[in-house]
Structure formats: structure tokens, C-alpha cells
Amino acid sequence: LRFIDTPGLQVGLADSRYNRSVLQETKKITKKYSPDIVLYFDRMDDVTSKGQGDLPLVRCITDVFGGSIWYNAILCLTHGATLPPDGPNGAPLGYDMFLAQRSHVVQQTVRQAAGDMRLMNPVALVENHPRCRTNADGEKLLPNGQAWKP
């Protein structure tokens, strides 16, 4: 099992040259070691990207690797224990609704960049903050009570 990690890709339009350079180097490695799976990480608590702010980055990934890169991708939302923000009426969103909204935004961004609106990537939550709530067995818990196992 081999892991190929891209160091800190940036979301801003001004960073596209840097991102493309990093991705081109990564692509050279993948020619020798073809990936079986791709993990795309985004933050659960990044509610500022409601308008698909990551689209330029996801398009850059698609441009370098081709749309098929998304066919074996899992969309990972880090900071999975983030408490939901307030909804439009001022009351907090339920965790499951918050998760559904963030998942939808990230999936739509990938679909748009890949040019395939039928694409349905699985979404995985990731949480490893040391102050995350835990259960009696020491497993980290998401706000909906689900245990997250690393």
C-alpha cells in the first residue's frame, strides 16, 4: 500500500500556479504508481465555501489528472465534530442537516469540475482533535453521538 500526499494545496485563485506545479509533480509519481483510491479533504467547518469556493482548486485537480480521478474518490470532511452553525432562522441547524448541506456542496463542486452531474462520491467524516468528546471506550464522538474510529 502506497500513499501519495499533496502538500497543502491552496484554495485561492492566486495560488493556481503553485497548485498546478504540485499536482504536476504528483502526476509524475502516479504514472509509476497508479492510485487505487483518492482521498479529497475539505473542512466540515468551512461554511464560507457555500458558494463552491473550492471550485478553482477542484478544477485544477481535474485538469491535471482528468475527470476520471474522481471516479474512485472519497470526499473526507475533517473537523467532523464541528458543531453546526445557526440556520437562517437563528436556531442552530441539526448536525445531520449540517452534514448533509456540507456534503452536498463538496459533491456539487466535484461534479461540476468533473463535468459529470451523476457522480456520487461517498463522504467520510474525520475527527482527531484531542479535546473531542469521547465515549466510555475512549472512541471519539461526533455531535450526533456516532463513534468515529481512526
Protein backbone atom coordinates (compact mmCIF):
# COMPACT_ATOMS: atom_id res chain seq x y z
CA LEU A 1 0.00 0.00 0.00
CA ARG A 2 1.48 3.33 -1.06
CA PHE A 3 0.36 6.80 -0.04
CA ILE A 4 0.99 9.86 -2.17
CA ASP A 5 0.28 13.09 -0.33
CA THR A 6 0.00 16.52 -1.91
CA PRO A 7 1.29 19.16 0.47
CA GLY A 8 -1.17 21.91 1.30
CA LEU A 9 -2.97 22.85 -1.87
CA GLN A 10 -4.39 26.37 -1.69
CA VAL A 11 -7.96 27.45 -2.45
CA GLY A 12 -7.34 30.98 -3.77
CA LEU A 13 -7.27 31.83 -7.46
CA ALA A 14 -3.88 33.45 -6.95
CA ASP A 15 -2.49 30.07 -5.85
CA SER A 16 -3.37 28.20 -9.04
CA ARG A 17 0.20 28.27 -10.40
CA TYR A 18 1.52 26.76 -7.16
CA ASN A 19 -1.25 24.13 -7.08
CA ARG A 20 -0.68 23.16 -10.71
CA SER A 21 3.06 22.74 -10.06
CA VAL A 22 2.44 20.49 -7.03
CA LEU A 23 -0.16 18.47 -8.93
CA GLN A 24 2.10 18.03 -11.97
CA GLU A 25 4.81 16.60 -9.71
CA THR A 26 2.24 14.31 -8.12
CA LYS A 27 1.05 13.19 -11.54
CA LYS A 28 4.60 12.09 -12.41
CA ILE A 29 4.53 9.81 -9.37
CA THR A 30 1.11 8.40 -10.25
CA LYS A 31 2.37 7.34 -13.67
CA LYS A 32 4.66 4.91 -11.87
CA TYR A 33 2.28 4.06 -9.02
CA SER A 34 -1.33 4.31 -10.18
CA PRO A 35 -3.68 5.18 -7.30
CA ASP A 36 -6.47 2.78 -6.41
CA ILE A 37 -8.28 5.39 -4.38
CA VAL A 38 -8.19 9.15 -3.97
CA LEU A 39 -9.00 10.93 -0.72
CA TYR A 40 -10.06 14.56 -1.16
CA PHE A 41 -10.07 16.51 2.11
CA ASP A 42 -12.15 19.56 2.90
CA ARG A 43 -13.15 21.08 6.22
CA MET A 44 -16.58 20.40 7.67
CA ASP A 45 -16.45 23.77 9.44
CA ASP A 46 -15.63 25.77 6.30
CA VAL A 47 -19.06 27.25 5.85
CA THR A 48 -17.58 30.14 3.87
CA SER A 49 -17.34 27.87 0.81
CA LYS A 50 -21.13 27.67 0.46
CA GLY A 51 -20.72 29.16 -2.99
CA GLN A 52 -18.31 26.44 -4.10
CA GLY A 53 -15.20 28.45 -3.25
CA ASP A 54 -13.07 25.34 -3.82
CA LEU A 55 -14.19 25.03 -7.44
CA PRO A 56 -10.98 26.53 -8.93
CA LEU A 57 -8.88 24.06 -6.92
CA VAL A 58 -11.06 21.07 -7.81
CA ARG A 59 -10.99 22.13 -11.47
CA CYS A 60 -7.20 22.33 -11.31
CA ILE A 61 -7.06 18.77 -9.94
CA THR A 62 -9.40 17.67 -12.72
CA ASP A 63 -7.37 19.48 -15.40
CA VAL A 64 -4.13 17.82 -14.32
CA PHE A 65 -5.40 14.28 -13.68
CA GLY A 66 -8.51 14.14 -15.86
CA GLY A 67 -12.13 13.75 -14.77
CA SER A 68 -11.68 10.06 -14.06
CA ILE A 69 -9.63 10.95 -10.95
CA TRP A 70 -12.97 11.46 -9.18
CA TYR A 71 -14.39 8.03 -10.04
CA ASN A 72 -12.53 6.35 -7.16
CA ALA A 73 -12.55 9.29 -4.76
CA ILE A 74 -13.82 9.55 -1.22
CA LEU A 75 -14.65 13.05 -0.03
CA CYS A 76 -13.36 13.46 3.52
CA LEU A 77 -14.68 16.20 5.78
CA THR A 78 -12.23 17.00 8.54
CA HIS A 79 -13.25 18.62 11.84
CA GLY A 80 -16.17 16.20 11.84
CA ALA A 81 -17.14 17.09 15.42
CA THR A 82 -17.77 20.70 14.49
CA LEU A 83 -20.98 22.00 15.98
CA PRO A 84 -23.46 23.22 13.38
CA PRO A 85 -23.81 26.96 12.82
CA ASP A 86 -27.07 28.80 13.25
CA GLY A 87 -29.59 28.33 10.48
CA PRO A 88 -31.37 31.14 8.61
CA ASN A 89 -33.95 31.50 11.39
CA GLY A 90 -31.26 31.94 14.08
CA ALA A 91 -31.74 28.48 15.59
CA PRO A 92 -28.83 26.04 15.32
CA LEU A 93 -29.00 23.59 12.44
CA GLY A 94 -29.24 19.95 13.38
CA TYR A 95 -25.96 18.09 12.95
CA ASP A 96 -27.35 15.74 10.30
CA MET A 97 -28.71 18.69 8.29
CA PHE A 98 -25.36 20.48 8.57
CA LEU A 99 -23.54 17.35 7.40
CA ALA A 100 -25.97 16.93 4.50
CA GLN A 101 -25.50 20.55 3.42
CA ARG A 102 -21.69 20.45 3.57
CA SER A 103 -21.61 17.08 1.80
CA HIS A 104 -23.87 18.42 -0.92
CA VAL A 105 -21.69 21.49 -1.51
CA VAL A 106 -18.49 19.42 -1.80
CA GLN A 107 -20.16 16.81 -4.03
CA GLN A 108 -21.60 19.52 -6.30
CA THR A 109 -18.17 21.12 -6.60
CA VAL A 110 -16.63 17.79 -7.67
CA ARG A 111 -19.49 17.06 -10.09
CA GLN A 112 -19.17 20.46 -11.70
CA ALA A 113 -15.39 20.20 -12.05
CA ALA A 114 -15.59 16.64 -13.40
CA GLY A 115 -18.39 17.56 -15.79
CA ASP A 116 -20.45 14.61 -14.57
CA MET A 117 -23.56 15.52 -12.60
CA ARG A 118 -24.29 11.81 -11.97
CA LEU A 119 -21.10 11.37 -9.95
CA MET A 120 -21.89 10.41 -6.36
CA ASN A 121 -18.78 10.16 -4.21
CA PRO A 122 -19.05 8.78 -0.69
CA VAL A 123 -18.40 11.23 2.12
CA ALA A 124 -16.38 10.26 5.19
CA LEU A 125 -16.07 12.26 8.38
CA VAL A 126 -12.69 12.66 10.05
CA GLU A 127 -12.10 13.84 13.60
CA ASN A 128 -8.91 13.65 15.64
CA HIS A 129 -8.92 16.73 17.85
CA PRO A 130 -7.60 15.81 21.30
CA ARG A 131 -10.50 17.63 23.02
CA CYS A 132 -13.17 15.85 21.03
CA ARG A 133 -15.89 14.28 23.19
CA THR A 134 -15.36 10.54 23.76
CA ASN A 135 -17.48 7.63 24.92
CA ALA A 136 -16.71 5.15 27.74
CA ASP A 137 -14.49 3.14 25.37
CA GLY A 138 -12.39 6.20 24.53
CA GLU A 139 -13.75 6.48 20.98
CA LYS A 140 -14.14 9.99 19.64
CA LEU A 141 -17.77 11.00 19.17
CA LEU A 142 -19.37 13.17 16.53
CA PRO A 143 -22.09 15.59 17.67
CA ASN A 144 -24.79 13.10 16.59
CA GLY A 145 -23.32 10.53 19.02
CA GLN A 146 -21.75 8.36 16.31
CA ALA A 147 -18.32 7.00 17.22
CA TRP A 148 -15.53 7.90 14.85
CA LYS A 149 -12.84 5.28 14.58
CA PRO A 150 -9.50 6.26 13.05
